[in-house]
Protein backbone atom coordinates (compact mmCIF):
# COMPACT_ATOMS: atom_id res chain seq x y z
CA MET A 1 -1.45 32.25 -52.26
CA THR A 2 -1.44 28.56 -51.40
CA ASP A 3 -0.82 27.69 -47.76
CA THR A 4 -0.78 23.91 -47.89
CA ALA A 5 -0.31 21.12 -50.39
CA ALA A 6 -4.03 20.31 -50.08
CA THR A 7 -4.98 23.21 -52.34
CA MET A 8 -4.37 23.76 -56.02
CA GLU A 9 -4.01 26.93 -58.08
CA ILE A 10 -4.44 27.03 -61.85
CA GLY A 11 -3.29 29.84 -64.10
CA ILE A 12 -1.74 31.05 -67.33
CA SER A 13 1.84 31.82 -68.27
CA THR A 14 3.02 33.53 -71.46
CA PHE A 15 6.08 35.04 -73.09
CA LEU A 16 3.95 37.47 -75.15
CA GLU A 17 5.06 36.04 -78.47
CA THR A 18 5.23 38.20 -81.58
CA THR A 19 6.18 35.49 -84.04
CA PRO A 20 4.81 35.27 -87.59
CA ASP A 21 1.35 33.74 -87.71
CA PRO A 22 2.01 30.29 -89.24
CA VAL A 23 -1.16 30.52 -91.36
CA THR A 24 -1.17 34.15 -92.57
CA GLY A 25 2.48 35.10 -92.09
CA LYS A 26 1.38 38.29 -90.35
CA VAL A 27 3.44 39.61 -87.46
CA ILE A 28 1.48 41.71 -85.00
CA SER A 29 3.19 44.66 -83.37
CA GLN A 30 4.61 44.30 -79.90
CA ALA A 31 2.28 47.12 -78.83
CA GLU A 32 -0.76 45.12 -79.95
CA ARG A 33 0.47 41.98 -78.20
CA LEU A 34 0.94 43.91 -74.97
CA ARG A 35 -2.60 45.26 -75.14
CA GLU A 36 -3.88 41.75 -75.80
CA ALA A 37 -2.08 40.55 -72.68
CA VAL A 38 -3.95 43.02 -70.50
CA GLU A 39 -7.24 41.73 -71.95
CA GLU A 40 -6.15 38.15 -71.26
CA ILE A 41 -5.35 38.93 -67.63
CA ALA A 42 -8.71 40.63 -67.14
CA LEU A 43 -10.50 37.61 -68.60
CA ALA A 44 -8.46 35.17 -66.52
CA ASP A 45 -9.56 37.06 -63.41
CA GLN A 46 -13.20 37.05 -64.51
CA VAL A 47 -13.32 33.29 -65.13
CA GLY A 48 -11.77 32.46 -61.76
CA LEU A 49 -8.18 31.58 -62.58
CA ASP A 50 -5.71 32.01 -59.74
CA VAL A 51 -2.55 33.39 -61.33
CA TYR A 52 -1.15 34.94 -64.51
CA GLY A 53 2.58 35.01 -65.24
CA ILE A 54 4.65 36.81 -67.86
CA GLY A 55 8.16 35.72 -68.78
CA GLU A 56 10.95 38.27 -69.27
CA HIS A 57 12.69 38.16 -72.65
CA HIS A 58 14.79 40.60 -74.65
CA ARG A 59 14.36 39.48 -78.27
CA PRO A 60 12.14 40.46 -81.19
CA ASP A 61 9.85 37.43 -81.07
CA TYR A 62 8.61 38.22 -77.54
CA ALA A 63 7.18 41.47 -76.17
CA GLY A 64 7.57 40.81 -72.44
CA SER A 65 10.79 42.60 -71.52
CA ALA A 66 9.09 44.39 -68.57
CA PRO A 67 6.57 41.98 -67.00
CA ALA A 68 5.88 44.16 -63.94
CA VAL A 69 4.69 47.03 -66.16
CA VAL A 70 2.24 44.83 -68.07
CA LEU A 71 0.98 43.22 -64.88
CA ALA A 72 0.51 46.65 -63.29
CA ALA A 73 -1.60 47.73 -66.26
CA ALA A 74 -3.90 44.80 -65.55
CA ALA A 75 -3.82 45.14 -61.76
CA ALA A 76 -6.31 47.99 -61.67
CA MET A 77 -8.69 45.99 -63.90
CA THR A 78 -8.64 42.83 -61.77
CA LYS A 79 -9.74 41.88 -58.28
CA ARG A 80 -8.40 38.49 -57.26
CA ILE A 81 -5.90 36.98 -59.67
CA ARG A 82 -2.26 36.84 -58.57
CA LEU A 83 0.26 38.55 -60.85
CA THR A 84 3.75 37.15 -61.29
CA SER A 85 6.80 37.16 -63.48
CA ALA A 86 7.50 33.83 -65.16
CA VAL A 87 10.41 34.41 -64.91
CA THR A 88 12.41 37.46 -63.88
CA VAL A 89 15.95 36.95 -65.21
CA LEU A 90 17.50 37.91 -61.91
CA SER A 91 21.08 37.19 -63.00
CA SER A 92 21.12 40.15 -65.38
CA ASP A 93 18.93 42.55 -63.39
CA ASP A 94 19.40 44.71 -60.32
CA PRO A 95 17.67 43.17 -57.29
CA VAL A 96 16.91 46.64 -55.91
CA ARG A 97 14.98 47.57 -59.04
CA VAL A 98 13.32 44.16 -59.20
CA TYR A 99 12.06 44.53 -55.65
CA GLN A 100 10.91 48.11 -56.24
CA ALA A 101 9.02 47.17 -59.42
CA PHE A 102 7.19 44.26 -57.82
CA ALA A 103 6.58 46.08 -54.54
CA THR A 104 4.96 48.82 -56.63
CA LEU A 105 2.87 46.19 -58.42
CA ASP A 106 1.99 44.73 -55.02
CA SER A 107 0.68 48.10 -53.89
CA ILE A 108 -1.35 48.72 -57.04
CA SER A 109 -2.87 45.24 -56.86
CA ASN A 110 -3.32 45.37 -53.07
CA GLY A 111 -1.13 42.39 -52.29
CA ARG A 112 -1.27 40.16 -55.37
CA ALA A 113 2.27 40.44 -56.78
CA GLU A 114 4.89 37.71 -56.89
CA ILE A 115 8.41 37.33 -58.26
CA MET A 116 9.48 34.13 -59.97
CA ALA A 117 13.28 34.34 -60.05
CA GLY A 118 15.32 32.34 -62.51
CA ARG A 119 18.24 32.38 -64.88
CA GLY A 120 16.04 32.45 -67.98
CA SER A 121 15.82 30.17 -71.00
CA PHE A 122 17.59 32.64 -73.32
CA ILE A 123 20.82 34.60 -72.90
CA GLU A 124 20.17 37.92 -74.70
CA SER A 125 19.86 39.89 -71.46
CA PHE A 126 23.45 39.17 -70.39
CA PRO A 127 25.29 41.17 -73.08
CA LEU A 128 22.45 43.71 -73.16
CA PHE A 129 23.04 44.66 -69.53
CA GLY A 130 26.79 44.12 -69.53
CA TYR A 131 27.15 40.74 -67.81
CA SER A 132 29.35 37.81 -68.73
CA LEU A 133 27.99 34.30 -69.15
CA ASP A 134 31.16 33.13 -67.42
CA ASP A 135 29.55 34.43 -64.22
CA TYR A 136 26.21 32.71 -64.90
CA ASP A 137 25.90 30.76 -61.63
CA GLU A 138 27.63 33.29 -59.39
CA LEU A 139 25.43 36.12 -60.62
CA PHE A 140 22.23 34.30 -59.74
CA GLU A 141 23.39 33.22 -56.29
CA GLU A 142 24.62 36.68 -55.37
CA LYS A 143 21.58 38.53 -56.66
CA LEU A 144 19.11 36.12 -55.07
CA GLU A 145 20.86 36.68 -51.75
CA LEU A 146 20.47 40.45 -52.14
CA LEU A 147 16.82 40.22 -53.24
CA LEU A 148 15.94 38.17 -50.17
CA LYS A 149 17.78 40.63 -47.90
CA ILE A 150 15.84 43.53 -49.42
CA ARG A 151 12.46 41.87 -48.94
CA ALA A 152 13.36 41.01 -45.34
CA SER A 153 14.47 44.46 -44.22
CA GLU A 154 13.74 48.09 -45.12
CA LYS A 155 17.37 49.08 -44.56
CA VAL A 156 20.01 46.98 -46.29
CA THR A 157 23.75 46.62 -45.84
CA TRP A 158 25.29 44.36 -48.45
CA ARG A 159 28.47 43.75 -50.43
CA GLY A 160 29.04 41.42 -53.38
CA GLY A 161 31.20 41.00 -56.42
CA HIS A 162 28.93 42.13 -59.26
CA ARG A 163 27.11 45.18 -57.90
CA PRO A 164 28.16 48.26 -55.91
CA ALA A 165 27.86 47.78 -52.15
CA ILE A 166 24.81 49.07 -50.27
CA PRO A 167 25.71 50.81 -46.97
CA GLU A 168 22.64 50.74 -44.70
CA LEU A 169 20.26 52.25 -47.23
CA GLY A 170 16.48 51.98 -47.51
CA VAL A 171 14.64 50.40 -50.43
CA TYR A 172 11.16 51.75 -51.21
CA PRO A 173 8.26 51.27 -51.60
CA ARG A 174 7.80 48.32 -49.28
CA SER A 175 5.47 45.58 -50.40
CA VAL A 176 1.95 45.14 -49.06
CA GLN A 177 2.62 41.44 -48.53
CA GLN A 178 5.17 40.65 -45.86
CA PRO A 179 7.17 39.07 -47.23
CA LEU A 180 6.70 39.62 -50.94
CA PRO A 181 6.50 36.08 -52.42
CA VAL A 182 9.63 34.96 -54.25
CA TRP A 183 9.66 31.66 -56.15
CA ILE A 184 12.67 29.85 -57.57
CA ALA A 185 12.12 28.74 -61.17
CA THR A 186 14.13 25.95 -62.75
CA GLY A 187 14.11 23.93 -65.91
CA GLY A 188 15.25 20.83 -64.06
CA SER A 189 18.49 21.63 -62.25
CA PRO A 190 19.00 19.56 -59.06
CA GLU A 191 21.06 22.41 -57.61
CA SER A 192 18.17 24.84 -58.08
CA ALA A 193 15.71 22.45 -56.44
CA ILE A 194 18.03 22.01 -53.47
CA ARG A 195 18.65 25.77 -53.21
CA ALA A 196 14.91 26.46 -53.13
CA GLY A 197 14.40 23.82 -50.47
CA MET A 198 17.22 25.07 -48.26
CA LEU A 199 15.81 28.60 -48.43
CA GLY A 200 12.25 27.41 -47.82
CA LEU A 201 11.11 29.12 -51.02
CA PRO A 202 8.39 27.82 -53.35
CA VAL A 203 9.71 26.19 -56.51
CA ALA A 204 8.44 26.18 -60.10
CA PHE A 205 9.54 23.53 -62.59
CA ALA A 206 9.34 24.17 -66.34
CA ILE A 207 8.25 20.85 -67.83
CA ILE A 208 8.18 21.20 -71.60
CA GLY A 209 9.36 17.77 -72.73
CA GLY A 210 9.45 14.13 -71.73
CA MET A 211 7.21 12.68 -69.05
CA PRO A 212 6.34 15.03 -66.17
CA GLU A 213 6.68 12.16 -63.69
CA ARG A 214 10.43 12.21 -64.34
CA PHE A 215 10.57 15.37 -62.23
CA ALA A 216 9.63 13.36 -59.12
CA PRO A 217 13.30 12.96 -58.03
CA LEU A 218 13.72 16.76 -58.19
CA VAL A 219 10.63 17.21 -56.03
CA ALA A 220 12.10 14.72 -53.56
CA LEU A 221 15.40 16.64 -53.49
CA TYR A 222 13.51 19.87 -52.88
CA LYS A 223 11.48 18.45 -50.00
CA LYS A 224 14.48 16.75 -48.41
CA ALA A 225 16.57 19.93 -48.53
CA ALA A 226 13.71 21.94 -47.05
CA GLN A 227 13.14 19.48 -44.22
CA GLN A 228 16.86 19.31 -43.39
CA ALA A 229 16.93 23.12 -43.25
CA GLY A 230 14.08 23.13 -40.73
CA HIS A 231 11.23 24.23 -43.00
CA ASP A 232 7.70 22.85 -42.57
CA PRO A 233 7.03 20.35 -45.41
CA ALA A 234 3.29 21.07 -45.16
CA LYS A 235 3.89 24.65 -46.28
CA LEU A 236 6.01 23.87 -49.33
CA GLN A 237 4.62 25.06 -52.65
CA ILE A 238 5.41 23.39 -55.97
CA ALA A 239 4.40 24.78 -59.35
CA THR A 240 4.83 23.49 -62.86
CA HIS A 241 4.77 25.36 -66.16
CA SER A 242 3.89 23.42 -69.32
CA HIS A 243 2.82 24.27 -72.85
CA GLY A 244 -0.79 23.62 -73.75
CA PHE A 245 -4.12 24.71 -75.10
CA VAL A 246 -7.76 24.04 -74.27
CA GLY A 247 -10.36 23.75 -77.02
CA ASP A 248 -14.01 22.83 -77.20
CA THR A 249 -12.91 19.43 -78.52
CA THR A 250 -9.58 17.65 -78.33
CA GLU A 251 -9.37 17.50 -82.12
CA GLN A 252 -9.93 21.25 -82.42
CA ALA A 253 -7.36 22.03 -79.72
CA ALA A 254 -4.77 19.78 -81.36
CA GLU A 255 -5.20 21.36 -84.78
CA LEU A 256 -5.19 24.97 -83.56
CA PHE A 257 -2.12 24.57 -81.38
CA PHE A 258 0.10 22.48 -83.65
CA ALA A 259 1.20 24.93 -86.35
CA PRO A 260 2.29 27.80 -84.05
CA THR A 261 3.98 25.36 -81.69
CA GLN A 262 5.85 23.64 -84.50
CA ALA A 263 6.98 26.95 -85.98
CA GLN A 264 8.41 28.34 -82.76
CA MET A 265 9.93 25.07 -81.54
CA ASN A 266 11.77 24.76 -84.85
CA VAL A 267 13.11 28.32 -84.48
CA ILE A 268 14.39 27.52 -81.00
CA GLY A 269 15.69 24.15 -82.16
CA ARG A 270 17.79 25.76 -84.88
CA GLU A 271 19.17 28.31 -82.41
CA ARG A 272 20.17 25.60 -79.96
CA GLY A 273 21.35 23.00 -82.44
CA TRP A 274 18.83 20.32 -81.55
CA GLY A 275 19.33 18.75 -84.97
CA GLN A 276 15.84 17.30 -85.40
CA ALA A 277 12.78 19.15 -86.64
CA TYR A 278 9.65 19.31 -84.50
CA THR A 279 7.17 17.00 -86.22
CA ARG A 280 3.50 16.13 -85.87
CA ALA A 281 4.55 12.76 -84.47
CA THR A 282 6.60 14.49 -81.75
CA TYR A 283 3.65 16.72 -80.98
CA ASP A 284 1.09 13.92 -80.83
CA GLU A 285 3.29 11.86 -78.54
CA ALA A 286 3.64 14.83 -76.19
CA ARG A 287 -0.17 15.22 -76.17
CA SER A 288 -0.58 11.68 -74.82
CA LEU A 289 -1.69 11.23 -71.23
CA ARG A 290 1.85 10.95 -69.86
CA GLY A 291 3.35 13.59 -72.15
CA ALA A 292 4.30 17.17 -71.36
CA LEU A 293 1.78 18.93 -73.63
CA TYR A 294 -1.59 19.77 -72.07
CA VAL A 295 -3.65 19.99 -75.26
CA GLY A 296 -7.25 18.87 -75.49
CA ASP A 297 -10.81 19.41 -74.39
CA PRO A 298 -11.48 20.51 -70.80
CA GLU A 299 -11.98 16.99 -69.46
CA TYR A 300 -8.75 15.70 -70.98
CA VAL A 301 -6.65 18.64 -69.80
CA ALA A 302 -8.14 18.30 -66.31
CA GLU A 303 -7.30 14.59 -66.31
CA LYS A 304 -3.68 15.37 -67.17
CA ILE A 305 -3.42 18.03 -64.45
CA LEU A 306 -4.78 15.60 -61.86
CA LEU A 307 -2.26 12.96 -63.00
CA LEU A 308 0.51 15.53 -62.65
CA ARG A 309 -0.64 16.30 -59.12
CA ARG A 310 -0.60 12.62 -58.18
CA HIS A 311 2.95 12.21 -59.48
CA LEU A 312 4.51 15.45 -58.20
CA GLY A 313 2.21 16.87 -55.52
CA VAL A 314 1.95 20.20 -57.32
CA THR A 315 0.05 23.06 -55.68
CA ARG A 316 0.05 25.33 -58.74
CA PHE A 317 -0.22 24.63 -62.47
CA PHE A 318 0.64 27.11 -65.23
CA LEU A 319 -0.71 26.41 -68.70
CA HIS A 320 1.63 28.20 -71.09
CA VAL A 321 -0.55 29.67 -73.82
CA ASN A 322 0.78 30.07 -76.38
CA VAL A 323 4.11 28.91 -77.76
CA GLY A 324 3.83 30.71 -81.12
CA THR A 325 1.41 33.31 -82.39
CA MET A 326 -2.26 32.33 -82.41
CA PRO A 327 -5.38 34.41 -83.08
CA HIS A 328 -6.30 36.41 -79.98
CA ARG A 329 -9.86 35.05 -80.01
CA ASP A 330 -8.52 31.47 -79.78
CA VAL A 331 -6.28 32.34 -76.85
CA MET A 332 -9.16 34.06 -75.07
CA ARG A 333 -11.37 31.01 -75.59
CA ALA A 334 -8.68 28.74 -74.14
CA ILE A 335 -8.42 30.96 -71.06
CA GLU A 336 -12.19 30.94 -70.69
CA LEU A 337 -12.33 27.13 -70.88
CA LEU A 338 -9.44 26.73 -68.45
CA GLY A 339 -11.22 28.88 -65.89
CA THR A 340 -14.83 27.78 -66.35
CA ARG A 341 -14.41 24.12 -67.26
CA VAL A 342 -10.96 22.73 -66.41
CA ALA A 343 -10.35 24.38 -63.03
CA PRO A 344 -13.75 23.34 -61.56
CA ILE A 345 -13.14 19.70 -62.52
CA VAL A 346 -9.69 19.72 -60.93
CA ARG A 347 -10.85 21.45 -57.75
CA LEU A 348 -13.85 19.15 -57.32
CA GLU A 349 -11.78 16.01 -57.77
CA ILE A 350 -9.15 17.23 -55.30
CA ALA A 351 -11.88 18.06 -52.77
CA ARG A 352 -13.36 14.59 -53.19
CA SER A 353 -9.97 12.96 -52.80
CA GLU A 354 -9.16 14.97 -49.66
CA ALA A 355 -12.57 14.12 -48.15
CA LYS A 356 -11.83 10.39 -48.49
CA GLU A 357 -8.52 10.61 -46.64
C-alpha cells in the first residue's frame, strides 16, 4: 500500500458486467463472468499491476454482489496484487460481516485485502436488505463508525439506531494488516471528502464525466480537513476511478470500447432520467486529453494518467474496464497493456520528476 504521495499505484476496477454484447446480443452467464474475473485478477498480478477492485451490485446486469468471495478465489492464485472492494455498499450491509469477510480475505492473501466503503451508485441493496432510503446518510455514518471500531479493537461495545447493540463482544478473524485498510469512496460529495480527511482515511473519487481537474477543490477540502484533524498530509492517499480501455492503437481502443460503453450508459441514463442519449460525439469529447475517459494506446493513456496526477496529486489510479460487456480476450489484452506498457511509462516519468525536485 502507498505510504507517501511520491508513489503511484495503477490497477483495475470492474462491476463484473453481464450486459448483452452490443455486437452479438449474447448475454454470458453470471457464473462465466465470475470465472473470467478470477482470470483477470491473476493476469493483473502477473503483469505487475498494483490493485484490483470489484464493485458490489445487486442487479441482473452485474455479477459482483459478493466481491470478497471473488477476490478470495483469486487470492490463492496471486502473489502481490492488492485486492479491494470498489465499493462495498456499507449503508445496507452489516459492518461485522464486512469486517469478517475482508479479514478472511486478508488472511488468505497474507495481508493484501482492502475495503473501499461507500454508499453505492445504485439503490437496489436498500430494499433487498430491509433499509429505507430515508436513512441514506445516517446509515452510512453509523455503520462506518462501527466498522472503524471493529478494525481498531478485538472486543467491541457499540450502540446505534439501525443495528442491534454489541455488548463487549469479539469479532473474528482479525486481519493480518493492522489496521485493515479502509478507504472512503465518493462520487464527488464535499461532505464525503471532508469526512475522509477528518478521519485520516484514504479517499477514492469516481470521476466518470467532465474534466478530472474539476475535482481539485474536493482534494483541497480533503487535505484541509485532514490537516485540521492532526493527520500527516504526507501520508494521505488519493485514488481515482475512471472508465477506460487500452488498445494496441488509439483507433482500435476507441472502436472496441465505444459500443459497450454507449449501450450501458444509455441503460443507466434511462433509469436516471438523464434525457439525452450517449452519442459518439459525447464519447469522443470524453476521450480528449482533459476528458474523463482513459481510452487509447499505452502512451496516450499514460499521458492522461500523468496529467491527472499533476492536477489532483493522486497516488492510485483505477482504470474501470469495462463499462458494458466486451469479449474476454479484449479485456485481458487491455489489462496486459496497462501492466506492461502504461504502468512502466507512468512510474518512470514520476521517478524522473521526483529526481529533479
